[in-house]
Amino acid sequence: MPEDEFPIWHINEYCVTDDKMAELVLILSEHIKLTWYIHAFNENELIITFKGKSFKISTEKDDTWNSMIEYGVKIA
């Protein structure tokens, strides 16, 4: 992190039920730092959450990733 004297990557793992995921993604997108992102996944989809926006994309890189990558580059 730019404001950190010694940048450190943080990894936290949580299990969230499908019925709670949409609510959690909304909350996280409101409170995450601007240059951070969160990814959540199951066997069928990957959710990438940025400040104010999230993307449901394929778990394998394909065209669904393009708008997510463009957005991430724009806000980084």
C-alpha atoms as a PDB file:
ATOM      1  CA  MET A   1       0.000   0.000   0.000  1.00  0.00           C
ATOM      2  CA  PRO A   2       1.435   3.376  -0.925  1.00  0.00           C
ATOM      3  CA  GLU A   3       0.839   4.820   2.549  1.00  0.00           C
ATOM      4  CA  ASP A   4       2.478   1.820   4.259  1.00  0.00           C
ATOM      5  CA  GLU A   5       6.161   2.079   5.111  1.00  0.00           C
ATOM      6  CA  PHE A   6       6.567  -1.632   4.356  1.00  0.00           C
ATOM      7  CA  PRO A   7       3.919  -2.789   1.856  1.00  0.00           C
ATOM      8  CA  ILE A   8       2.418  -6.142   2.780  1.00  0.00           C
ATOM      9  CA  TRP A   9      -0.059  -8.314   0.911  1.00  0.00           C
ATOM     10  CA  HIS A  10      -2.919  -9.487   3.095  1.00  0.00           C
ATOM     11  CA  ILE A  11      -4.881 -12.663   2.461  1.00  0.00           C
ATOM     12  CA  ASN A  12      -8.001 -13.489   4.430  1.00  0.00           C
ATOM     13  CA  GLU A  13     -10.258 -16.436   3.704  1.00  0.00           C
ATOM     14  CA  TYR A  14     -13.950 -16.618   4.565  1.00  0.00           C
ATOM     15  CA  CYS A  15     -16.816 -18.939   3.668  1.00  0.00           C
ATOM     16  CA  VAL A  16     -20.025 -17.126   2.737  1.00  0.00           C
ATOM     17  CA  THR A  17     -23.294 -18.750   1.731  1.00  0.00           C
ATOM     18  CA  ASP A  18     -24.682 -17.933  -1.718  1.00  0.00           C
ATOM     19  CA  ASP A  19     -27.744 -16.234  -0.234  1.00  0.00           C
ATOM     20  CA  LYS A  20     -25.546 -13.746   1.687  1.00  0.00           C
ATOM     21  CA  MET A  21     -23.039 -13.031  -1.065  1.00  0.00           C
ATOM     22  CA  ALA A  22     -24.849 -10.191  -2.875  1.00  0.00           C
ATOM     23  CA  GLU A  23     -25.396  -8.298   0.372  1.00  0.00           C
ATOM     24  CA  LEU A  24     -21.765  -8.778   1.416  1.00  0.00           C
ATOM     25  CA  VAL A  25     -20.418  -7.634  -1.968  1.00  0.00           C
ATOM     26  CA  LEU A  26     -22.501  -4.450  -1.723  1.00  0.00           C
ATOM     27  CA  ILE A  27     -21.212  -3.699   1.782  1.00  0.00           C
ATOM     28  CA  LEU A  28     -17.612  -4.413   0.815  1.00  0.00           C
ATOM     29  CA  SER A  29     -17.815  -2.232  -2.310  1.00  0.00           C
ATOM     30  CA  GLU A  30     -18.902   0.688  -0.122  1.00  0.00           C
ATOM     31  CA  HIS A  31     -16.103   0.302   2.429  1.00  0.00           C
ATOM     32  CA  ILE A  32     -13.048  -1.011   0.585  1.00  0.00           C
ATOM     33  CA  LYS A  33     -10.102   1.332  -0.003  1.00  0.00           C
ATOM     34  CA  LEU A  34     -10.008   2.838  -3.487  1.00  0.00           C
ATOM     35  CA  THR A  35      -6.926   0.978  -4.755  1.00  0.00           C
ATOM     36  CA  TRP A  36      -7.799  -2.379  -3.171  1.00  0.00           C
ATOM     37  CA  TYR A  37      -9.884  -5.208  -4.566  1.00  0.00           C
ATOM     38  CA  ILE A  38     -11.524  -8.361  -3.240  1.00  0.00           C
ATOM     39  CA  HIS A  39     -12.139 -11.569  -5.096  1.00  0.00           C
ATOM     40  CA  ALA A  40     -14.621 -14.251  -4.145  1.00  0.00           C
ATOM     41  CA  PHE A  41     -15.276 -17.416  -6.042  1.00  0.00           C
ATOM     42  CA  ASN A  42     -17.027 -20.738  -6.213  1.00  0.00           C
ATOM     43  CA  GLU A  43     -16.760 -23.454  -8.827  1.00  0.00           C
ATOM     44  CA  ASN A  44     -18.912 -21.474 -11.299  1.00  0.00           C
ATOM     45  CA  GLU A  45     -18.086 -17.786 -10.993  1.00  0.00           C
ATOM     46  CA  LEU A  46     -15.604 -15.220  -9.784  1.00  0.00           C
ATOM     47  CA  ILE A  47     -16.710 -11.946  -8.196  1.00  0.00           C
ATOM     48  CA  ILE A  48     -14.222  -9.081  -8.218  1.00  0.00           C
ATOM     49  CA  THR A  49     -15.147  -6.161  -5.969  1.00  0.00           C
ATOM     50  CA  PHE A  50     -13.681  -2.668  -6.191  1.00  0.00           C
ATOM     51  CA  LYS A  51     -14.718   0.549  -4.465  1.00  0.00           C
ATOM     52  CA  GLY A  52     -18.243   1.208  -5.761  1.00  0.00           C
ATOM     53  CA  LYS A  53     -18.382  -1.590  -8.331  1.00  0.00           C
ATOM     54  CA  SER A  54     -18.244  -5.360  -8.623  1.00  0.00           C
ATOM     55  CA  PHE A  55     -17.993  -7.788 -11.534  1.00  0.00           C
ATOM     56  CA  LYS A  56     -19.272 -11.361 -11.883  1.00  0.00           C
ATOM     57  CA  ILE A  57     -16.963 -13.067 -14.340  1.00  0.00           C
ATOM     58  CA  SER A  58     -15.876 -16.487 -15.500  1.00  0.00           C
ATOM     59  CA  THR A  59     -13.463 -18.413 -13.290  1.00  0.00           C
ATOM     60  CA  GLU A  60     -11.309 -18.903 -16.392  1.00  0.00           C
ATOM     61  CA  LYS A  61      -9.929 -15.867 -18.168  1.00  0.00           C
ATOM     62  CA  ASP A  62     -12.096 -14.934 -21.126  1.00  0.00           C
ATOM     63  CA  ASP A  63     -13.847 -11.873 -22.579  1.00  0.00           C
ATOM     64  CA  THR A  64     -15.875 -11.381 -19.375  1.00  0.00           C
ATOM     65  CA  TRP A  65     -12.667 -10.183 -17.738  1.00  0.00           C
ATOM     66  CA  ASN A  66     -12.095  -7.219 -20.077  1.00  0.00           C
ATOM     67  CA  SER A  67     -14.368  -4.629 -18.450  1.00  0.00           C
ATOM     68  CA  MET A  68     -13.173  -5.647 -14.968  1.00  0.00           C
ATOM     69  CA  ILE A  69      -9.521  -5.206 -15.964  1.00  0.00           C
ATOM     70  CA  GLU A  70     -10.227  -1.856 -17.637  1.00  0.00           C
ATOM     71  CA  TYR A  71     -12.034  -0.612 -14.537  1.00  0.00           C
ATOM     72  CA  GLY A  72      -9.259  -1.803 -12.216  1.00  0.00           C
ATOM     73  CA  VAL A  73      -6.602  -0.060 -14.288  1.00  0.00           C
ATOM     74  CA  LYS A  74      -8.666   3.131 -14.370  1.00  0.00           C
ATOM     75  CA  ILE A  75      -9.039   3.394 -10.588  1.00  0.00           C
ATOM     76  CA  ALA A  76      -5.581   2.107  -9.630  1.00  0.00           C
END
